[in-house]
Amino acid sequence: MRKFRGSTIGIDQGNTEVFSDFAIGGDMWKGHGARERRKKVLFSEVFKEPPVVQVSLSLWDMDQGANVRADITADQITEKGFDLVFRTWSDTRVARVRMNWIAMGPVASEDDWDVY
């Protein structure tokens, strides 16, 4: 369990298109080549320390001719942002992906002050 010090917790959220390979005939849609996509997300405000980030799929447009395979995660989490990561493998063909995310962590408060 992660415990936050202080009393001010911030929550930021978004819905981000990670890629759309169908229209351009990209590698995800062809079913071979680069099988990972990353999308940098910046928070609307800076957290005091790296927040907890939860991600989920809000849209995935997959070809029905092969098994559906996906691994989604948040990576490189900092106080300022993180990377949304979508991975697939084998012959899975992905036209496009959009992901929801929510970040929770301590934020600065007007009541914060530094003695030194």
PDB file of N, CA and C in Angstrom:
ATOM      1  N   MET A   1       0.841  -1.170   0.000  1.00  0.00           N
ATOM      2  CA  MET A   1       0.000   0.000   0.000  1.00  0.00           C
ATOM      3  C   MET A   1       0.892   1.241   0.000  1.00  0.00           C
ATOM      4  N   ARG A   2       0.489   2.217  -0.750  1.00  0.00           N
ATOM      5  CA  ARG A   2       1.228   3.475  -0.780  1.00  0.00           C
ATOM      6  C   ARG A   2       0.516   4.488   0.095  1.00  0.00           C
ATOM      7  N   LYS A   3       1.246   5.136   0.980  1.00  0.00           N
ATOM      8  CA  LYS A   3       0.680   6.152   1.874  1.00  0.00           C
ATOM      9  C   LYS A   3       1.258   7.506   1.501  1.00  0.00           C
ATOM     10  N   PHE A   4       0.395   8.491   1.406  1.00  0.00           N
ATOM     11  CA  PHE A   4       0.816   9.840   1.053  1.00  0.00           C
ATOM     12  C   PHE A   4       0.912  10.688   2.307  1.00  0.00           C
ATOM     13  N   ARG A   5       2.014  11.427   2.427  1.00  0.00           N
ATOM     14  CA  ARG A   5       2.178  12.345   3.543  1.00  0.00           C
ATOM     15  C   ARG A   5       1.498  13.664   3.193  1.00  0.00           C
ATOM     16  N   GLY A   6       0.943  14.317   4.191  1.00  0.00           N
ATOM     17  CA  GLY A   6       0.279  15.589   3.939  1.00  0.00           C
ATOM     18  C   GLY A   6      -1.200  15.384   3.675  1.00  0.00           C
ATOM     19  N   SER A   7      -1.880  16.457   3.533  1.00  0.00           N
ATOM     20  CA  SER A   7      -3.338  16.363   3.427  1.00  0.00           C
ATOM     21  C   SER A   7      -3.878  16.737   2.054  1.00  0.00           C
ATOM     22  N   THR A   8      -3.022  17.146   1.121  1.00  0.00           N
ATOM     23  CA  THR A   8      -3.521  17.576  -0.179  1.00  0.00           C
ATOM     24  C   THR A   8      -3.178  16.530  -1.239  1.00  0.00           C
ATOM     25  N   ILE A   9      -4.203  15.864  -1.721  1.00  0.00           N
ATOM     26  CA  ILE A   9      -4.052  14.836  -2.747  1.00  0.00           C
ATOM     27  C   ILE A   9      -4.677  15.369  -4.038  1.00  0.00           C
ATOM     28  N   GLY A  10      -3.938  15.247  -5.131  1.00  0.00           N
ATOM     29  CA  GLY A  10      -4.445  15.663  -6.429  1.00  0.00           C
ATOM     30  C   GLY A  10      -4.803  14.458  -7.275  1.00  0.00           C
ATOM     31  N   ILE A  11      -5.824  14.630  -8.092  1.00  0.00           N
ATOM     32  CA  ILE A  11      -6.233  13.589  -9.042  1.00  0.00           C
ATOM     33  C   ILE A  11      -6.315  14.244 -10.414  1.00  0.00           C
ATOM     34  N   ASP A  12      -5.617  13.667 -11.370  1.00  0.00           N
ATOM     35  CA  ASP A  12      -5.657  14.136 -12.751  1.00  0.00           C
ATOM     36  C   ASP A  12      -6.094  12.944 -13.594  1.00  0.00           C
ATOM     37  N   GLN A  13      -6.747  13.203 -14.711  1.00  0.00           N
ATOM     38  CA  GLN A  13      -7.213  12.103 -15.552  1.00  0.00           C
ATOM     39  C   GLN A  13      -7.296  12.545 -16.998  1.00  0.00           C
ATOM     40  N   GLY A  14      -7.351  11.567 -17.890  1.00  0.00           N
ATOM     41  CA  GLY A  14      -7.463  11.891 -19.298  1.00  0.00           C
ATOM     42  C   GLY A  14      -7.824  10.678 -20.131  1.00  0.00           C
ATOM     43  N   ASN A  15      -8.069  10.944 -21.396  1.00  0.00           N
ATOM     44  CA  ASN A  15      -8.386   9.929 -22.385  1.00  0.00           C
ATOM     45  C   ASN A  15      -7.550  10.276 -23.609  1.00  0.00           C
ATOM     46  N   THR A  16      -6.593   9.433 -23.957  1.00  0.00           N
ATOM     47  CA  THR A  16      -5.576   9.772 -24.943  1.00  0.00           C
ATOM     48  C   THR A  16      -5.514   8.731 -26.051  1.00  0.00           C
ATOM     49  N   GLU A  17      -5.539   9.196 -27.298  1.00  0.00           N
ATOM     50  CA  GLU A  17      -5.315   8.266 -28.410  1.00  0.00           C
ATOM     51  C   GLU A  17      -3.829   7.935 -28.445  1.00  0.00           C
ATOM     52  N   VAL A  18      -3.511   6.657 -28.397  1.00  0.00           N
ATOM     53  CA  VAL A  18      -2.120   6.222 -28.398  1.00  0.00           C
ATOM     54  C   VAL A  18      -1.615   6.098 -29.841  1.00  0.00           C
ATOM     55  N   PHE A  19      -2.434   5.535 -30.724  1.00  0.00           N
ATOM     56  CA  PHE A  19      -2.074   5.459 -32.139  1.00  0.00           C
ATOM     57  C   PHE A  19      -3.312   5.101 -32.955  1.00  0.00           C
ATOM     58  N   SER A  20      -3.208   5.352 -34.263  1.00  0.00           N
ATOM     59  CA  SER A  20      -4.218   4.962 -35.234  1.00  0.00           C
ATOM     60  C   SER A  20      -3.469   4.530 -36.495  1.00  0.00           C
ATOM     61  N   ASP A  21      -3.233   3.235 -36.629  1.00  0.00           N
ATOM     62  CA  ASP A  21      -2.425   2.707 -37.734  1.00  0.00           C
ATOM     63  C   ASP A  21      -3.254   2.268 -38.944  1.00  0.00           C
ATOM     64  N   PHE A  22      -4.552   2.135 -38.795  1.00  0.00           N
ATOM     65  CA  PHE A  22      -5.386   1.619 -39.885  1.00  0.00           C
ATOM     66  C   PHE A  22      -5.297   2.512 -41.124  1.00  0.00           C
ATOM     67  N   ALA A  23      -5.499   3.807 -40.945  1.00  0.00           N
ATOM     68  CA  ALA A  23      -5.550   4.731 -42.080  1.00  0.00           C
ATOM     69  C   ALA A  23      -4.207   4.863 -42.798  1.00  0.00           C
ATOM     70  N   ILE A  24      -3.113   4.684 -42.057  1.00  0.00           N
ATOM     71  CA  ILE A  24      -1.789   4.879 -42.667  1.00  0.00           C
ATOM     72  C   ILE A  24      -1.089   3.555 -42.996  1.00  0.00           C
ATOM     73  N   GLY A  25      -1.746   2.433 -42.696  1.00  0.00           N
ATOM     74  CA  GLY A  25      -1.140   1.135 -42.965  1.00  0.00           C
ATOM     75  C   GLY A  25       0.100   0.876 -42.127  1.00  0.00           C
ATOM     76  N   GLY A  26       0.065   1.334 -40.880  1.00  0.00           N
ATOM     77  CA  GLY A  26       1.215   1.202 -39.988  1.00  0.00           C
ATOM     78  C   GLY A  26       1.466  -0.228 -39.532  1.00  0.00           C
ATOM     79  N   ASP A  27       2.585  -0.407 -38.833  1.00  0.00           N
ATOM     80  CA  ASP A  27       3.023  -1.739 -38.401  1.00  0.00           C
ATOM     81  C   ASP A  27       2.007  -2.455 -37.523  1.00  0.00           C
ATOM     82  N   MET A  28       1.339  -1.738 -36.652  1.00  0.00           N
ATOM     83  CA  MET A  28       0.356  -2.393 -35.777  1.00  0.00           C
ATOM     84  C   MET A  28      -0.769  -3.002 -36.613  1.00  0.00           C
ATOM     85  N   TRP A  29      -1.179  -2.324 -37.666  1.00  0.00           N
ATOM     86  CA  TRP A  29      -2.254  -2.836 -38.506  1.00  0.00           C
ATOM     87  C   TRP A  29      -1.754  -3.933 -39.453  1.00  0.00           C
ATOM     88  N   LYS A  30      -0.517  -3.838 -39.909  1.00  0.00           N
ATOM     89  CA  LYS A  30       0.036  -4.868 -40.787  1.00  0.00           C
ATOM     90  C   LYS A  30       0.276  -6.173 -40.044  1.00  0.00           C
ATOM     91  N   GLY A  31       0.454  -6.103 -38.722  1.00  0.00           N
ATOM     92  CA  GLY A  31       0.643  -7.314 -37.932  1.00  0.00           C
ATOM     93  C   GLY A  31       2.082  -7.740 -37.796  1.00  0.00           C
ATOM     94  N   HIS A  32       3.011  -6.868 -38.141  1.00  0.00           N
ATOM     95  CA  HIS A  32       4.434  -7.166 -37.958  1.00  0.00           C
ATOM     96  C   HIS A  32       5.174  -5.831 -37.830  1.00  0.00           C
ATOM     97  N   GLY A  33       6.455  -5.913 -37.533  1.00  0.00           N
ATOM     98  CA  GLY A  33       7.230  -4.687 -37.336  1.00  0.00           C
ATOM     99  C   GLY A  33       7.180  -4.268 -35.868  1.00  0.00           C
ATOM    100  N   ALA A  34       7.291  -2.967 -35.634  1.00  0.00           N
ATOM    101  CA  ALA A  34       7.284  -2.439 -34.261  1.00  0.00           C
ATOM    102  C   ALA A  34       5.956  -2.789 -33.585  1.00  0.00           C
ATOM    103  N   ARG A  35       6.023  -3.467 -32.465  1.00  0.00           N
ATOM    104  CA  ARG A  35       4.806  -3.958 -31.808  1.00  0.00           C
ATOM    105  C   ARG A  35       4.568  -3.262 -30.473  1.00  0.00           C
ATOM    106  N   GLU A  36       5.182  -2.114 -30.291  1.00  0.00           N
ATOM    107  CA  GLU A  36       4.983  -1.312 -29.090  1.00  0.00           C
ATOM    108  C   GLU A  36       4.788   0.144 -29.494  1.00  0.00           C
ATOM    109  N   ARG A  37       3.845   0.801 -28.836  1.00  0.00           N
ATOM    110  CA  ARG A  37       3.647   2.232 -29.035  1.00  0.00           C
ATOM    111  C   ARG A  37       3.659   2.900 -27.666  1.00  0.00           C
ATOM    112  N   ARG A  38       4.297   4.075 -27.610  1.00  0.00           N
ATOM    113  CA  ARG A  38       4.351   4.891 -26.399  1.00  0.00           C
ATOM    114  C   ARG A  38       3.801   6.273 -26.712  1.00  0.00           C
ATOM    115  N   LYS A  39       3.072   6.818 -25.750  1.00  0.00           N
ATOM    116  CA  LYS A  39       2.537   8.168 -25.897  1.00  0.00           C
ATOM    117  C   LYS A  39       2.829   8.923 -24.610  1.00  0.00           C
ATOM    118  N   LYS A  40       3.557  10.032 -24.712  1.00  0.00           N
ATOM    119  CA  LYS A  40       3.903  10.847 -23.555  1.00  0.00           C
ATOM    120  C   LYS A  40       2.669  11.622 -23.097  1.00  0.00           C
ATOM    121  N   VAL A  41       2.410  11.585 -21.793  1.00  0.00           N
ATOM    122  CA  VAL A  41       1.305  12.328 -21.183  1.00  0.00           C
ATOM    123  C   VAL A  41       1.899  13.276 -20.155  1.00  0.00           C
ATOM    124  N   LEU A  42       1.510  14.541 -20.214  1.00  0.00           N
ATOM    125  CA  LEU A  42       1.917  15.519 -19.212  1.00  0.00           C
ATOM    126  C   LEU A  42       0.723  15.836 -18.321  1.00  0.00           C
ATOM    127  N   PHE A  43       0.955  15.882 -17.014  1.00  0.00           N
ATOM    128  CA  PHE A  43      -0.117  16.204 -16.082  1.00  0.00           C
ATOM    129  C   PHE A  43      -0.488  17.686 -16.196  1.00  0.00           C
ATOM    130  N   SER A  44      -1.707  18.032 -15.810  1.00  0.00           N
ATOM    131  CA  SER A  44      -2.140  19.425 -15.868  1.00  0.00           C
ATOM    132  C   SER A  44      -1.438  20.274 -14.809  1.00  0.00           C
ATOM    133  N   GLU A  45      -0.968  19.650 -13.733  1.00  0.00           N
ATOM    134  CA  GLU A  45      -0.156  20.302 -12.702  1.00  0.00           C
ATOM    135  C   GLU A  45       0.893  19.294 -12.246  1.00  0.00           C
ATOM    136  N   VAL A  46       1.980  19.797 -11.705  1.00  0.00           N
ATOM    137  CA  VAL A  46       3.058  18.942 -11.226  1.00  0.00           C
ATOM    138  C   VAL A  46       2.701  18.373  -9.853  1.00  0.00           C
ATOM    139  N   PHE A  47       2.935  17.085  -9.662  1.00  0.00           N
ATOM    140  CA  PHE A  47       2.768  16.450  -8.354  1.00  0.00           C
ATOM    141  C   PHE A  47       4.034  16.688  -7.524  1.00  0.00           C
ATOM    142  N   LYS A  48       3.940  16.520  -6.198  1.00  0.00           N
ATOM    143  CA  LYS A  48       5.102  16.673  -5.325  1.00  0.00           C
ATOM    144  C   LYS A  48       6.066  15.497  -5.448  1.00  0.00           C
ATOM    145  N   GLU A  49       5.567  14.345  -5.835  1.00  0.00           N
ATOM    146  CA  GLU A  49       6.362  13.143  -6.063  1.00  0.00           C
ATOM    147  C   GLU A  49       5.629  12.331  -7.121  1.00  0.00           C
ATOM    148  N   PRO A  50       6.279  11.339  -7.713  1.00  0.00           N
ATOM    149  CA  PRO A  50       5.576  10.554  -8.738  1.00  0.00           C
ATOM    150  C   PRO A  50       4.273   9.964  -8.191  1.00  0.00           C
ATOM    151  N   PRO A  51       3.171  10.194  -8.874  1.00  0.00           N
ATOM    152  CA  PRO A  51       1.874   9.697  -8.412  1.00  0.00           C
ATOM    153  C   PRO A  51       1.663   8.228  -8.759  1.00  0.00           C
ATOM    154  N   VAL A  52       0.592   7.676  -8.248  1.00  0.00           N
ATOM    155  CA  VAL A  52       0.115   6.365  -8.664  1.00  0.00           C
ATOM    156  C   VAL A  52      -0.686   6.589  -9.948  1.00  0.00           C
ATOM    157  N   VAL A  53      -0.421   5.795 -10.978  1.00  0.00           N
ATOM    158  CA  VAL A  53      -1.115   5.955 -12.262  1.00  0.00           C
ATOM    159  C   VAL A  53      -1.783   4.640 -12.635  1.00  0.00           C
ATOM    160  N   GLN A  54      -3.062   4.707 -12.960  1.00  0.00           N
ATOM    161  CA  GLN A  54      -3.837   3.553 -13.414  1.00  0.00           C
ATOM    162  C   GLN A  54      -4.252   3.796 -14.862  1.00  0.00           C
ATOM    163  N   VAL A  55      -4.080   2.804 -15.728  1.00  0.00           N
ATOM    164  CA  VAL A  55      -4.469   2.940 -17.130  1.00  0.00           C
ATOM    165  C   VAL A  55      -5.461   1.847 -17.509  1.00  0.00           C
ATOM    166  N   SER A  56      -6.288   2.152 -18.497  1.00  0.00           N
ATOM    167  CA  SER A  56      -7.236   1.170 -19.025  1.00  0.00           C
ATOM    168  C   SER A  56      -7.510   1.491 -20.491  1.00  0.00           C
ATOM    169  N   LEU A  57      -7.974   0.507 -21.216  1.00  0.00           N
ATOM    170  CA  LEU A  57      -8.351   0.719 -22.612  1.00  0.00           C
ATOM    171  C   LEU A  57      -9.731   1.357 -22.674  1.00  0.00           C
ATOM    172  N   SER A  58      -9.866   2.419 -23.441  1.00  0.00           N
ATOM    173  CA  SER A  58     -11.192   3.002 -23.664  1.00  0.00           C
ATOM    174  C   SER A  58     -11.670   2.719 -25.084  1.00  0.00           C
ATOM    175  N   LEU A  59     -10.731   2.407 -25.992  1.00  0.00           N
ATOM    176  CA  LEU A  59     -11.091   1.988 -27.347  1.00  0.00           C
ATOM    177  C   LEU A  59      -9.965   1.114 -27.873  1.00  0.00           C
ATOM    178  N   TRP A  60     -10.322  -0.025 -28.391  1.00  0.00           N
ATOM    179  CA  TRP A  60      -9.357  -0.819 -29.142  1.00  0.00           C
ATOM    180  C   TRP A  60     -10.094  -1.391 -30.331  1.00  0.00           C
ATOM    181  N   ASP A  61      -9.521  -1.163 -31.474  1.00  0.00           N
ATOM    182  CA  ASP A  61     -10.087  -1.579 -32.743  1.00  0.00           C
ATOM    183  C   ASP A  61      -9.145  -2.648 -33.283  1.00  0.00           C
ATOM    184  N   MET A  62      -9.567  -3.903 -33.163  1.00  0.00           N
ATOM    185  CA  MET A  62      -8.708  -5.043 -33.461  1.00  0.00           C
ATOM    186  C   MET A  62      -9.284  -5.842 -34.634  1.00  0.00           C
ATOM    187  N   ASP A  63      -8.394  -6.445 -35.404  1.00  0.00           N
ATOM    188  CA  ASP A  63      -8.802  -7.351 -36.464  1.00  0.00           C
ATOM    189  C   ASP A  63      -9.284  -8.655 -35.844  1.00  0.00           C
ATOM    190  N   GLN A  64     -10.349  -9.230 -36.380  1.00  0.00           N
ATOM    191  CA  GLN A  64     -10.926 -10.456 -35.812  1.00  0.00           C
ATOM    192  C   GLN A  64     -10.283 -11.720 -36.358  1.00  0.00           C
ATOM    193  N   GLY A  65      -9.319 -11.586 -37.273  1.00  0.00           N
ATOM    194  CA  GLY A  65      -8.719 -12.752 -37.907  1.00  0.00           C
ATOM    195  C   GLY A  65      -7.617 -13.433 -37.105  1.00  0.00           C
ATOM    196  N   ALA A  66      -7.251 -12.875 -35.960  1.00  0.00           N
ATOM    197  CA  ALA A  66      -6.184 -13.460 -35.136  1.00  0.00           C
ATOM    198  C   ALA A  66      -6.556 -13.277 -33.665  1.00  0.00           C
ATOM    199  N   ASN A  67      -5.805 -13.924 -32.801  1.00  0.00           N
ATOM    200  CA  ASN A  67      -6.041 -13.735 -31.372  1.00  0.00           C
ATOM    201  C   ASN A  67      -5.811 -12.277 -30.980  1.00  0.00           C
ATOM    202  N   VAL A  68      -6.601 -11.817 -30.020  1.00  0.00           N
ATOM    203  CA  VAL A  68      -6.456 -10.459 -29.494  1.00  0.00           C
ATOM    204  C   VAL A  68      -5.453 -10.510 -28.345  1.00  0.00           C
ATOM    205  N   ARG A  69      -4.339  -9.799 -28.507  1.00  0.00           N
ATOM    206  CA  ARG A  69      -3.280  -9.792 -27.494  1.00  0.00           C
ATOM    207  C   ARG A  69      -2.926  -8.348 -27.198  1.00  0.00           C
ATOM    208  N   ALA A  70      -2.881  -8.003 -25.909  1.00  0.00           N
ATOM    209  CA  ALA A  70      -2.526  -6.632 -25.538  1.00  0.00           C
ATOM    210  C   ALA A  70      -1.937  -6.601 -24.142  1.00  0.00           C
ATOM    211  N   ASP A  71      -0.958  -5.746 -23.976  1.00  0.00           N
ATOM    212  CA  ASP A  71      -0.353  -5.455 -22.686  1.00  0.00           C
ATOM    213  C   ASP A  71      -0.319  -3.934 -22.579  1.00  0.00           C
ATOM    214  N   ILE A  72      -0.961  -3.375 -21.563  1.00  0.00           N
ATOM    215  CA  ILE A  72      -0.987  -1.930 -21.387  1.00  0.00           C
ATOM    216  C   ILE A  72      -0.394  -1.587 -20.028  1.00  0.00           C
ATOM    217  N   THR A  73       0.301  -0.450 -19.987  1.00  0.00           N
ATOM    218  CA  THR A  73       0.926  -0.043 -18.736  1.00  0.00           C
ATOM    219  C   THR A  73       1.257   1.441 -18.755  1.00  0.00           C
ATOM    220  N   ALA A  74       1.541   1.970 -17.577  1.00  0.00           N
ATOM    221  CA  ALA A  74       2.115   3.309 -17.425  1.00  0.00           C
ATOM    222  C   ALA A  74       3.588   3.110 -17.097  1.00  0.00           C
ATOM    223  N   ASP A  75       4.462   3.847 -17.760  1.00  0.00           N
ATOM    224  CA  ASP A  75       5.903   3.671 -17.586  1.00  0.00           C
ATOM    225  C   ASP A  75       6.561   5.044 -17.450  1.00  0.00           C
ATOM    226  N   GLN A  76       7.758   5.054 -16.881  1.00  0.00           N
ATOM    227  CA  GLN A  76       8.532   6.288 -16.739  1.00  0.00           C
ATOM    228  C   GLN A  76       7.724   7.379 -16.014  1.00  0.00           C
ATOM    229  N   ILE A  77       7.079   7.013 -14.918  1.00  0.00           N
ATOM    230  CA  ILE A  77       6.227   7.950 -14.174  1.00  0.00           C
ATOM    231  C   ILE A  77       7.098   8.928 -13.388  1.00  0.00           C
ATOM    232  N   THR A  78       6.849  10.221 -13.583  1.00  0.00           N
ATOM    233  CA  THR A  78       7.530  11.280 -12.846  1.00  0.00           C
ATOM    234  C   THR A  78       6.480  12.235 -12.282  1.00  0.00           C
ATOM    235  N   GLU A  79       6.943  13.266 -11.606  1.00  0.00           N
ATOM    236  CA  GLU A  79       6.038  14.285 -11.071  1.00  0.00           C
ATOM    237  C   GLU A  79       5.324  15.052 -12.186  1.00  0.00           C
ATOM    238  N   LYS A  80       5.912  15.072 -13.380  1.00  0.00           N
ATOM    239  CA  LYS A  80       5.382  15.871 -14.488  1.00  0.00           C
ATOM    240  C   LYS A  80       4.543  15.088 -15.485  1.00  0.00           C
ATOM    241  N   GLY A  81       4.736  13.765 -15.559  1.00  0.00           N
ATOM    242  CA  GLY A  81       4.004  12.991 -16.547  1.00  0.00           C
ATOM    243  C   GLY A  81       4.473  11.549 -16.594  1.00  0.00           C
ATOM    244  N   PHE A  82       4.082  10.849 -17.650  1.00  0.00           N
ATOM    245  CA  PHE A  82       4.405   9.436 -17.801  1.00  0.00           C
ATOM    246  C   PHE A  82       4.201   9.027 -19.249  1.00  0.00           C
ATOM    247  N   ASP A  83       4.570   7.796 -19.568  1.00  0.00           N
ATOM    248  CA  ASP A  83       4.334   7.223 -20.892  1.00  0.00           C
ATOM    249  C   ASP A  83       3.211   6.204 -20.817  1.00  0.00           C
ATOM    250  N   LEU A  84       2.209   6.353 -21.682  1.00  0.00           N
ATOM    251  CA  LEU A  84       1.234   5.289 -21.907  1.00  0.00           C
ATOM    252  C   LEU A  84       1.903   4.287 -22.830  1.00  0.00           C
ATOM    253  N   VAL A  85       1.810   2.996 -22.508  1.00  0.00           N
ATOM    254  CA  VAL A  85       2.471   1.981 -23.325  1.00  0.00           C
ATOM    255  C   VAL A  85       1.447   0.915 -23.719  1.00  0.00           C
ATOM    256  N   PHE A  86       1.395   0.632 -25.017  1.00  0.00           N
ATOM    257  CA  PHE A  86       0.572  -0.455 -25.553  1.00  0.00           C
ATOM    258  C   PHE A  86       1.505  -1.397 -26.298  1.00  0.00           C
ATOM    259  N   ARG A  87       1.419  -2.695 -25.976  1.00  0.00           N
ATOM    260  CA  ARG A  87       2.222  -3.711 -26.661  1.00  0.00           C
ATOM    261  C   ARG A  87       1.309  -4.832 -27.141  1.00  0.00           C
ATOM    262  N   THR A  88       1.678  -5.405 -28.276  1.00  0.00           N
ATOM    263  CA  THR A  88       1.051  -6.625 -28.753  1.00  0.00           C
ATOM    264  C   THR A  88       2.133  -7.488 -29.394  1.00  0.00           C
ATOM    265  N   TRP A  89       1.778  -8.674 -29.807  1.00  0.00           N
ATOM    266  CA  TRP A  89       2.782  -9.585 -30.355  1.00  0.00           C
ATOM    267  C   TRP A  89       2.105 -10.578 -31.291  1.00  0.00           C
ATOM    268  N   SER A  90       2.946 -11.382 -31.915  1.00  0.00           N
ATOM    269  CA  SER A  90       2.539 -12.412 -32.863  1.00  0.00           C
ATOM    270  C   SER A  90       1.793 -11.784 -34.035  1.00  0.00           C
ATOM    271  N   ASP A  91       0.686 -12.382 -34.472  1.00  0.00           N
ATOM    272  CA  ASP A  91      -0.022 -11.911 -35.669  1.00  0.00           C
ATOM    273  C   ASP A  91      -1.197 -10.988 -35.363  1.00  0.00           C
ATOM    274  N   THR A  92      -1.337 -10.526 -34.126  1.00  0.00           N
ATOM    275  CA  THR A  92      -2.425  -9.617 -33.765  1.00  0.00           C
ATOM    276  C   THR A  92      -2.323  -8.334 -34.585  1.00  0.00           C
ATOM    277  N   ARG A  93      -3.456  -7.911 -35.139  1.00  0.00           N
ATOM    278  CA  ARG A  93      -3.523  -6.675 -35.934  1.00  0.00           C
ATOM    279  C   ARG A  93      -4.385  -5.668 -35.190  1.00  0.00           C
ATOM    280  N   VAL A  94      -3.807  -4.495 -34.952  1.00  0.00           N
ATOM    281  CA  VAL A  94      -4.487  -3.455 -34.183  1.00  0.00           C
ATOM    282  C   VAL A  94      -4.629  -2.215 -35.056  1.00  0.00           C
ATOM    283  N   ALA A  95      -5.870  -1.763 -35.245  1.00  0.00           N
ATOM    284  CA  ALA A  95      -6.113  -0.567 -36.049  1.00  0.00           C
ATOM    285  C   ALA A  95      -5.850   0.700 -35.244  1.00  0.00           C
ATOM    286  N   ARG A  96      -6.372   0.755 -34.026  1.00  0.00           N
ATOM    287  CA  ARG A  96      -6.178   1.951 -33.192  1.00  0.00           C
ATOM    288  C   ARG A  96      -6.462   1.632 -31.734  1.00  0.00           C
ATOM    289  N   VAL A  97      -5.888   2.465 -30.876  1.00  0.00           N
ATOM    290  CA  VAL A  97      -6.032   2.302 -29.430  1.00  0.00           C
ATOM    291  C   VAL A  97      -6.157   3.670 -28.781  1.00  0.00           C
ATOM    292  N   ARG A  98      -7.087   3.762 -27.856  1.00  0.00           N
ATOM    293  CA  ARG A  98      -7.229   4.942 -26.996  1.00  0.00           C
ATOM    294  C   ARG A  98      -7.256   4.442 -25.558  1.00  0.00           C
ATOM    295  N   MET A  99      -6.592   5.166 -24.664  1.00  0.00           N
ATOM    296  CA  MET A  99      -6.499   4.721 -23.271  1.00  0.00           C
ATOM    297  C   MET A  99      -6.947   5.821 -22.309  1.00  0.00           C
ATOM    298  N   ASN A 100      -7.670   5.393 -21.265  1.00  0.00           N
ATOM    299  CA  ASN A 100      -7.990   6.267 -20.134  1.00  0.00           C
ATOM    300  C   ASN A 100      -6.881   6.146 -19.119  1.00  0.00           C
ATOM    301  N   TRP A 101      -6.659   7.203 -18.363  1.00  0.00           N
ATOM    302  CA  TRP A 101      -5.671   7.152 -17.289  1.00  0.00           C
ATOM    303  C   TRP A 101      -6.136   8.045 -16.138  1.00  0.00           C
ATOM    304  N   ILE A 102      -5.698   7.684 -14.958  1.00  0.00           N
ATOM    305  CA  ILE A 102      -5.955   8.496 -13.776  1.00  0.00           C
ATOM    306  C   ILE A 102      -4.694   8.462 -12.915  1.00  0.00           C
ATOM    307  N   ALA A 103      -4.298   9.620 -12.422  1.00  0.00           N
ATOM    308  CA  ALA A 103      -3.109   9.752 -11.581  1.00  0.00           C
ATOM    309  C   ALA A 103      -3.526  10.353 -10.247  1.00  0.00           C
ATOM    310  N   MET A 104      -3.017   9.780  -9.156  1.00  0.00           N
ATOM    311  CA  MET A 104      -3.340  10.252  -7.808  1.00  0.00           C
ATOM    312  C   MET A 104      -2.060  10.377  -7.005  1.00  0.00           C
ATOM    313  N   GLY A 105      -1.888  11.514  -6.358  1.00  0.00           N
ATOM    314  CA  GLY A 105      -0.695  11.704  -5.541  1.00  0.00           C
ATOM    315  C   GLY A 105      -0.699  13.044  -4.845  1.00  0.00           C
ATOM    316  N   PRO A 106       0.318  13.280  -4.014  1.00  0.00           N
ATOM    317  CA  PRO A 106       0.389  14.529  -3.268  1.00  0.00           C
ATOM    318  C   PRO A 106       0.717  15.709  -4.181  1.00  0.00           C
ATOM    319  N   VAL A 107       0.069  16.830  -3.918  1.00  0.00           N
ATOM    320  CA  VAL A 107       0.306  18.070  -4.661  1.00  0.00           C
ATOM    321  C   VAL A 107       0.579  19.196  -3.669  1.00  0.00           C
ATOM    322  N   ALA A 108       1.188  20.251  -4.168  1.00  0.00           N
ATOM    323  CA  ALA A 108       1.476  21.410  -3.323  1.00  0.00           C
ATOM    324  C   ALA A 108       0.178  22.095  -2.918  1.00  0.00           C
ATOM    325  N   SER A 109       0.207  22.669  -1.743  1.00  0.00           N
ATOM    326  CA  SER A 109      -0.948  23.390  -1.212  1.00  0.00           C
ATOM    327  C   SER A 109      -0.510  24.799  -0.850  1.00  0.00           C
ATOM    328  N   GLU A 110      -1.416  25.728  -0.835  1.00  0.00           N
ATOM    329  CA  GLU A 110      -1.097  27.090  -0.425  1.00  0.00           C
ATOM    330  C   GLU A 110      -0.703  27.138   1.047  1.00  0.00           C
ATOM    331  N   ASP A 111      -1.052  26.094   1.801  1.00  0.00           N
ATOM    332  CA  ASP A 111      -0.663  26.024   3.209  1.00  0.00           C
ATOM    333  C   ASP A 111       0.742  25.467   3.414  1.00  0.00           C
ATOM    334  N   ASP A 112       1.356  24.964   2.348  1.00  0.00           N
ATOM    335  CA  ASP A 112       2.738  24.476   2.442  1.00  0.00           C
ATOM    336  C   ASP A 112       3.689  25.666   2.591  1.00  0.00           C
ATOM    337  N   TRP A 113       4.675  25.509   3.425  1.00  0.00           N
ATOM    338  CA  TRP A 113       5.720  26.526   3.508  1.00  0.00           C
ATOM    339  C   TRP A 113       7.018  25.862   3.908  1.00  0.00           C
ATOM    340  N   ASP A 114       8.076  26.463   3.463  1.00  0.00           N
ATOM    341  CA  ASP A 114       9.405  25.919   3.690  1.00  0.00           C
ATOM    342  C   ASP A 114      10.136  26.801   4.682  1.00  0.00           C
ATOM    343  N   VAL A 115      10.573  26.214   5.809  1.00  0.00           N
ATOM    344  CA  VAL A 115      11.237  26.971   6.861  1.00  0.00           C
ATOM    345  C   VAL A 115      12.643  27.378   6.426  1.00  0.00           C
ATOM    346  N   TYR A 116      13.285  26.568   5.624  1.00  0.00           N
ATOM    347  CA  TYR A 116      14.680  26.834   5.257  1.00  0.00           C
ATOM    348  C   TYR A 116      14.811  27.262   3.848  1.00  0.00           C
TER     349      TYR A 116
END
